[in-house]
N, C-alpha and C. Protein backbone atom coordinates (compact mmCIF):
# COMPACT_ATOMS: atom_id res chain seq x y z
N MET A 1 -37.43 257.27 176.85
CA MET A 1 -38.68 256.68 176.45
C MET A 1 -39.72 257.75 176.19
N ASN A 2 -39.30 258.79 175.55
CA ASN A 2 -40.19 259.89 175.23
C ASN A 2 -40.80 259.66 173.86
N ALA A 3 -42.09 259.65 173.78
CA ALA A 3 -42.76 259.52 172.49
C ALA A 3 -42.75 260.87 171.81
N SER A 4 -42.54 260.85 170.53
CA SER A 4 -42.55 262.09 169.77
C SER A 4 -43.95 262.71 169.82
N PRO A 5 -44.03 264.04 170.03
CA PRO A 5 -45.36 264.65 170.11
C PRO A 5 -46.15 264.55 168.81
N SER A 6 -45.45 264.36 167.69
CA SER A 6 -46.16 264.27 166.42
C SER A 6 -46.53 262.84 166.05
N ALA A 7 -46.06 261.86 166.83
CA ALA A 7 -46.36 260.47 166.53
C ALA A 7 -47.83 260.18 166.85
N PRO A 8 -48.55 259.62 165.87
CA PRO A 8 -49.96 259.32 166.13
C PRO A 8 -50.10 258.15 167.08
N THR A 9 -51.07 258.23 167.93
CA THR A 9 -51.36 257.11 168.82
C THR A 9 -52.68 256.50 168.36
N GLU A 10 -52.66 255.21 168.19
CA GLU A 10 -53.84 254.51 167.74
C GLU A 10 -54.46 253.76 168.90
N THR A 11 -55.74 253.94 169.07
CA THR A 11 -56.46 253.18 170.08
C THR A 11 -57.31 252.16 169.38
N PRO A 12 -57.33 250.95 169.88
CA PRO A 12 -58.12 249.92 169.22
C PRO A 12 -59.61 250.29 169.23
N ALA A 13 -60.27 250.01 168.12
CA ALA A 13 -61.69 250.31 168.01
C ALA A 13 -62.49 249.33 168.86
N ALA A 14 -63.53 249.83 169.46
CA ALA A 14 -64.42 248.97 170.25
C ALA A 14 -65.19 248.06 169.30
N PRO A 15 -65.44 246.83 169.71
CA PRO A 15 -66.21 245.94 168.84
C PRO A 15 -67.60 246.52 168.57
N LEU A 16 -68.04 246.35 167.32
CA LEU A 16 -69.35 246.86 166.94
C LEU A 16 -70.46 245.92 167.41
N SER A 17 -71.57 246.52 167.78
CA SER A 17 -72.74 245.70 168.09
C SER A 17 -73.27 245.12 166.77
N ARG A 18 -74.12 244.14 166.85
CA ARG A 18 -74.67 243.52 165.65
C ARG A 18 -75.41 244.55 164.80
N GLY A 19 -76.20 245.41 165.44
CA GLY A 19 -76.93 246.44 164.72
C GLY A 19 -76.00 247.45 164.07
N ALA A 20 -74.94 247.84 164.78
CA ALA A 20 -73.98 248.79 164.23
C ALA A 20 -73.22 248.19 163.05
N ALA A 21 -72.91 246.90 163.12
CA ALA A 21 -72.23 246.23 162.01
C ALA A 21 -73.12 246.21 160.76
N PHE A 22 -74.41 245.91 160.95
CA PHE A 22 -75.34 245.92 159.82
C PHE A 22 -75.48 247.32 159.24
N GLU A 23 -75.54 248.33 160.12
CA GLU A 23 -75.68 249.71 159.66
C GLU A 23 -74.45 250.14 158.87
N LYS A 24 -73.27 249.72 159.31
CA LYS A 24 -72.03 250.07 158.62
C LYS A 24 -72.03 249.48 157.21
N LEU A 25 -72.42 248.22 157.10
CA LEU A 25 -72.51 247.58 155.79
C LEU A 25 -73.58 248.25 154.93
N ALA A 26 -74.73 248.55 155.52
CA ALA A 26 -75.82 249.21 154.78
C ALA A 26 -75.37 250.58 154.28
N PHE A 27 -74.63 251.34 155.08
CA PHE A 27 -74.17 252.65 154.66
C PHE A 27 -73.18 252.53 153.50
N THR A 28 -72.30 251.54 153.55
CA THR A 28 -71.37 251.31 152.44
C THR A 28 -72.13 250.98 151.16
N LEU A 29 -73.12 250.11 151.26
CA LEU A 29 -73.92 249.77 150.09
C LEU A 29 -74.74 250.97 149.60
N CYS A 30 -75.17 251.81 150.51
CA CYS A 30 -75.90 253.03 150.14
C CYS A 30 -75.00 253.95 149.31
N LYS A 31 -73.74 254.08 149.71
CA LYS A 31 -72.80 254.91 148.94
C LYS A 31 -72.58 254.33 147.55
N ILE A 32 -72.45 253.01 147.48
CA ILE A 32 -72.26 252.35 146.19
C ILE A 32 -73.48 252.56 145.30
N ALA A 33 -74.67 252.37 145.85
CA ALA A 33 -75.91 252.53 145.08
C ALA A 33 -76.08 253.97 144.60
N THR A 34 -75.74 254.93 145.44
CA THR A 34 -75.85 256.33 145.04
C THR A 34 -74.90 256.63 143.89
N PHE A 35 -73.68 256.15 143.99
CA PHE A 35 -72.70 256.34 142.92
C PHE A 35 -73.22 255.71 141.62
N ALA A 36 -73.73 254.49 141.70
CA ALA A 36 -74.25 253.80 140.52
C ALA A 36 -75.46 254.53 139.94
N LEU A 37 -76.31 255.09 140.80
CA LEU A 37 -77.48 255.83 140.34
C LEU A 37 -77.06 257.02 139.50
N PHE A 38 -76.04 257.74 139.95
CA PHE A 38 -75.61 258.94 139.23
C PHE A 38 -74.75 258.64 138.00
N THR A 39 -74.05 257.53 138.00
CA THR A 39 -73.14 257.24 136.89
C THR A 39 -73.68 256.20 135.90
N GLY A 40 -74.76 255.52 136.25
CA GLY A 40 -75.39 254.58 135.34
C GLY A 40 -74.45 253.49 134.85
N ARG A 41 -74.45 253.29 133.54
CA ARG A 41 -73.65 252.20 132.97
C ARG A 41 -72.15 252.43 133.11
N PHE A 42 -71.75 253.63 133.49
CA PHE A 42 -70.33 253.94 133.65
C PHE A 42 -69.84 253.73 135.08
N ALA A 43 -70.68 253.19 135.95
CA ALA A 43 -70.30 252.99 137.36
C ALA A 43 -69.07 252.08 137.48
N LEU A 44 -69.06 250.96 136.78
CA LEU A 44 -67.94 250.03 136.90
C LEU A 44 -66.62 250.64 136.45
N PRO A 45 -66.53 251.21 135.24
CA PRO A 45 -65.22 251.74 134.85
C PRO A 45 -64.79 252.93 135.70
N LEU A 46 -65.72 253.77 136.13
CA LEU A 46 -65.35 254.91 136.97
C LEU A 46 -64.85 254.45 138.34
N ALA A 47 -65.55 253.49 138.93
CA ALA A 47 -65.11 252.95 140.21
C ALA A 47 -63.77 252.23 140.06
N ALA A 48 -63.61 251.48 138.98
CA ALA A 48 -62.36 250.76 138.74
C ALA A 48 -61.20 251.73 138.56
N LEU A 49 -61.41 252.80 137.77
CA LEU A 49 -60.35 253.79 137.58
C LEU A 49 -60.04 254.51 138.89
N GLY A 50 -61.06 254.82 139.66
CA GLY A 50 -60.84 255.46 140.95
C GLY A 50 -60.04 254.58 141.89
N ALA A 51 -60.42 253.30 141.96
CA ALA A 51 -59.70 252.36 142.83
C ALA A 51 -58.26 252.21 142.37
N ALA A 52 -58.05 252.04 141.06
CA ALA A 52 -56.69 251.90 140.54
C ALA A 52 -55.85 253.13 140.85
N THR A 53 -56.43 254.30 140.65
CA THR A 53 -55.70 255.55 140.89
C THR A 53 -55.31 255.69 142.36
N PHE A 54 -56.28 255.49 143.25
CA PHE A 54 -56.00 255.71 144.66
C PHE A 54 -55.13 254.62 145.27
N PHE A 55 -55.22 253.38 144.79
CA PHE A 55 -54.30 252.35 145.27
C PHE A 55 -52.88 252.63 144.78
N ALA A 56 -52.74 253.11 143.55
CA ALA A 56 -51.42 253.49 143.04
C ALA A 56 -50.85 254.66 143.84
N LEU A 57 -51.69 255.65 144.11
CA LEU A 57 -51.24 256.80 144.92
C LEU A 57 -50.85 256.36 146.33
N ALA A 58 -51.61 255.43 146.90
CA ALA A 58 -51.27 254.91 148.22
C ALA A 58 -49.89 254.26 148.20
N HIS A 59 -49.64 253.46 147.17
CA HIS A 59 -48.33 252.80 147.05
C HIS A 59 -47.22 253.84 146.90
N LEU A 60 -47.44 254.82 146.04
CA LEU A 60 -46.43 255.86 145.82
C LEU A 60 -46.20 256.71 147.08
N SER A 61 -47.18 256.73 147.95
CA SER A 61 -47.06 257.49 149.20
C SER A 61 -46.51 256.64 150.35
N GLY A 62 -46.10 255.42 150.04
CA GLY A 62 -45.44 254.59 151.04
C GLY A 62 -46.28 253.49 151.65
N LYS A 63 -47.53 253.38 151.28
CA LYS A 63 -48.40 252.33 151.84
C LYS A 63 -48.12 251.04 151.07
N ARG A 64 -47.66 250.02 151.76
CA ARG A 64 -47.27 248.77 151.10
C ARG A 64 -48.20 247.60 151.36
N ASP A 65 -49.27 247.82 152.14
CA ASP A 65 -50.24 246.77 152.39
C ASP A 65 -51.63 247.39 152.46
N THR A 66 -52.64 246.55 152.43
CA THR A 66 -54.01 247.03 152.46
C THR A 66 -54.91 245.97 153.06
N ARG A 67 -56.13 246.37 153.40
CA ARG A 67 -57.10 245.42 153.94
C ARG A 67 -57.75 244.59 152.84
N CYS A 68 -57.53 244.95 151.60
CA CYS A 68 -58.13 244.24 150.46
C CYS A 68 -57.58 242.81 150.38
N VAL A 69 -58.31 241.95 149.72
CA VAL A 69 -57.94 240.54 149.60
C VAL A 69 -56.57 240.37 148.95
N PHE A 70 -56.24 241.18 147.96
CA PHE A 70 -54.97 241.04 147.25
C PHE A 70 -53.76 241.51 148.06
N LYS A 71 -53.97 242.33 149.08
CA LYS A 71 -52.96 242.78 150.03
C LYS A 71 -51.96 243.82 149.51
N HIS A 72 -51.64 243.85 148.23
CA HIS A 72 -50.62 244.75 147.70
C HIS A 72 -51.26 245.83 146.82
N PRO A 73 -51.10 247.11 147.16
CA PRO A 73 -51.76 248.19 146.42
C PRO A 73 -51.48 248.18 144.91
N LEU A 74 -50.25 247.90 144.50
CA LEU A 74 -49.96 247.91 143.06
C LEU A 74 -50.66 246.76 142.33
N LEU A 75 -50.76 245.62 142.96
CA LEU A 75 -51.47 244.49 142.37
C LEU A 75 -52.95 244.84 142.20
N ILE A 76 -53.52 245.47 143.21
CA ILE A 76 -54.93 245.86 143.14
C ILE A 76 -55.12 246.93 142.07
N ALA A 77 -54.22 247.90 142.00
CA ALA A 77 -54.31 248.95 140.98
C ALA A 77 -54.24 248.34 139.58
N ALA A 78 -53.36 247.38 139.39
CA ALA A 78 -53.25 246.72 138.08
C ALA A 78 -54.54 245.96 137.75
N PHE A 79 -55.11 245.28 138.72
CA PHE A 79 -56.35 244.54 138.49
C PHE A 79 -57.47 245.48 138.07
N TRP A 80 -57.72 246.55 138.86
CA TRP A 80 -58.82 247.45 138.55
C TRP A 80 -58.55 248.26 137.29
N GLY A 81 -57.30 248.59 137.02
CA GLY A 81 -56.97 249.24 135.75
C GLY A 81 -57.30 248.34 134.58
N SER A 82 -57.01 247.05 134.72
CA SER A 82 -57.34 246.08 133.67
C SER A 82 -58.85 245.96 133.48
N VAL A 83 -59.59 245.96 134.57
CA VAL A 83 -61.06 245.90 134.48
C VAL A 83 -61.57 247.09 133.68
N ALA A 84 -61.06 248.29 133.95
CA ALA A 84 -61.50 249.49 133.24
C ALA A 84 -61.14 249.41 131.76
N VAL A 85 -59.96 248.92 131.43
CA VAL A 85 -59.54 248.81 130.03
C VAL A 85 -60.40 247.79 129.29
N VAL A 86 -60.64 246.64 129.89
CA VAL A 86 -61.48 245.62 129.25
C VAL A 86 -62.90 246.13 129.06
N TRP A 87 -63.44 246.84 130.07
CA TRP A 87 -64.78 247.42 129.95
C TRP A 87 -64.83 248.39 128.78
N ALA A 88 -63.83 249.27 128.67
CA ALA A 88 -63.80 250.26 127.59
C ALA A 88 -63.72 249.56 126.23
N TRP A 89 -62.87 248.55 126.12
CA TRP A 89 -62.76 247.83 124.86
C TRP A 89 -64.08 247.14 124.52
N TRP A 90 -64.68 246.48 125.50
CA TRP A 90 -65.93 245.74 125.28
C TRP A 90 -67.06 246.67 124.82
N ASN A 91 -67.11 247.88 125.39
CA ASN A 91 -68.21 248.79 125.10
C ASN A 91 -67.95 249.74 123.94
N PHE A 92 -66.69 250.03 123.63
CA PHE A 92 -66.40 251.03 122.60
C PHE A 92 -65.48 250.54 121.49
N GLY A 93 -64.70 249.51 121.74
CA GLY A 93 -63.65 249.17 120.80
C GLY A 93 -63.85 247.95 119.95
N ARG A 94 -64.96 247.27 120.10
CA ARG A 94 -65.14 246.02 119.36
C ARG A 94 -65.57 246.25 117.92
N GLY A 95 -65.78 247.48 117.57
CA GLY A 95 -66.07 247.85 116.19
C GLY A 95 -67.42 247.48 115.77
């Protein structure tokens, strides 16, 4: 019953206080707003391409589930990749 020394041990996170939960959400929104501020109208396609790329990389690296609503990294990558393609067509390809 020897655990491998390289095996990670996970300890459950302590529940967040109400204030800490609000701060966590506020910090996430702050990161989103900062990204949008710097990228302007290109925030959606850049975020979508980033999400698609990193979910695909996660899948290729062996991650088969996620906390996202869709649950499957490849499904999420396909969705966000489609969002980026439709955005590009809508803004540049309609002639």
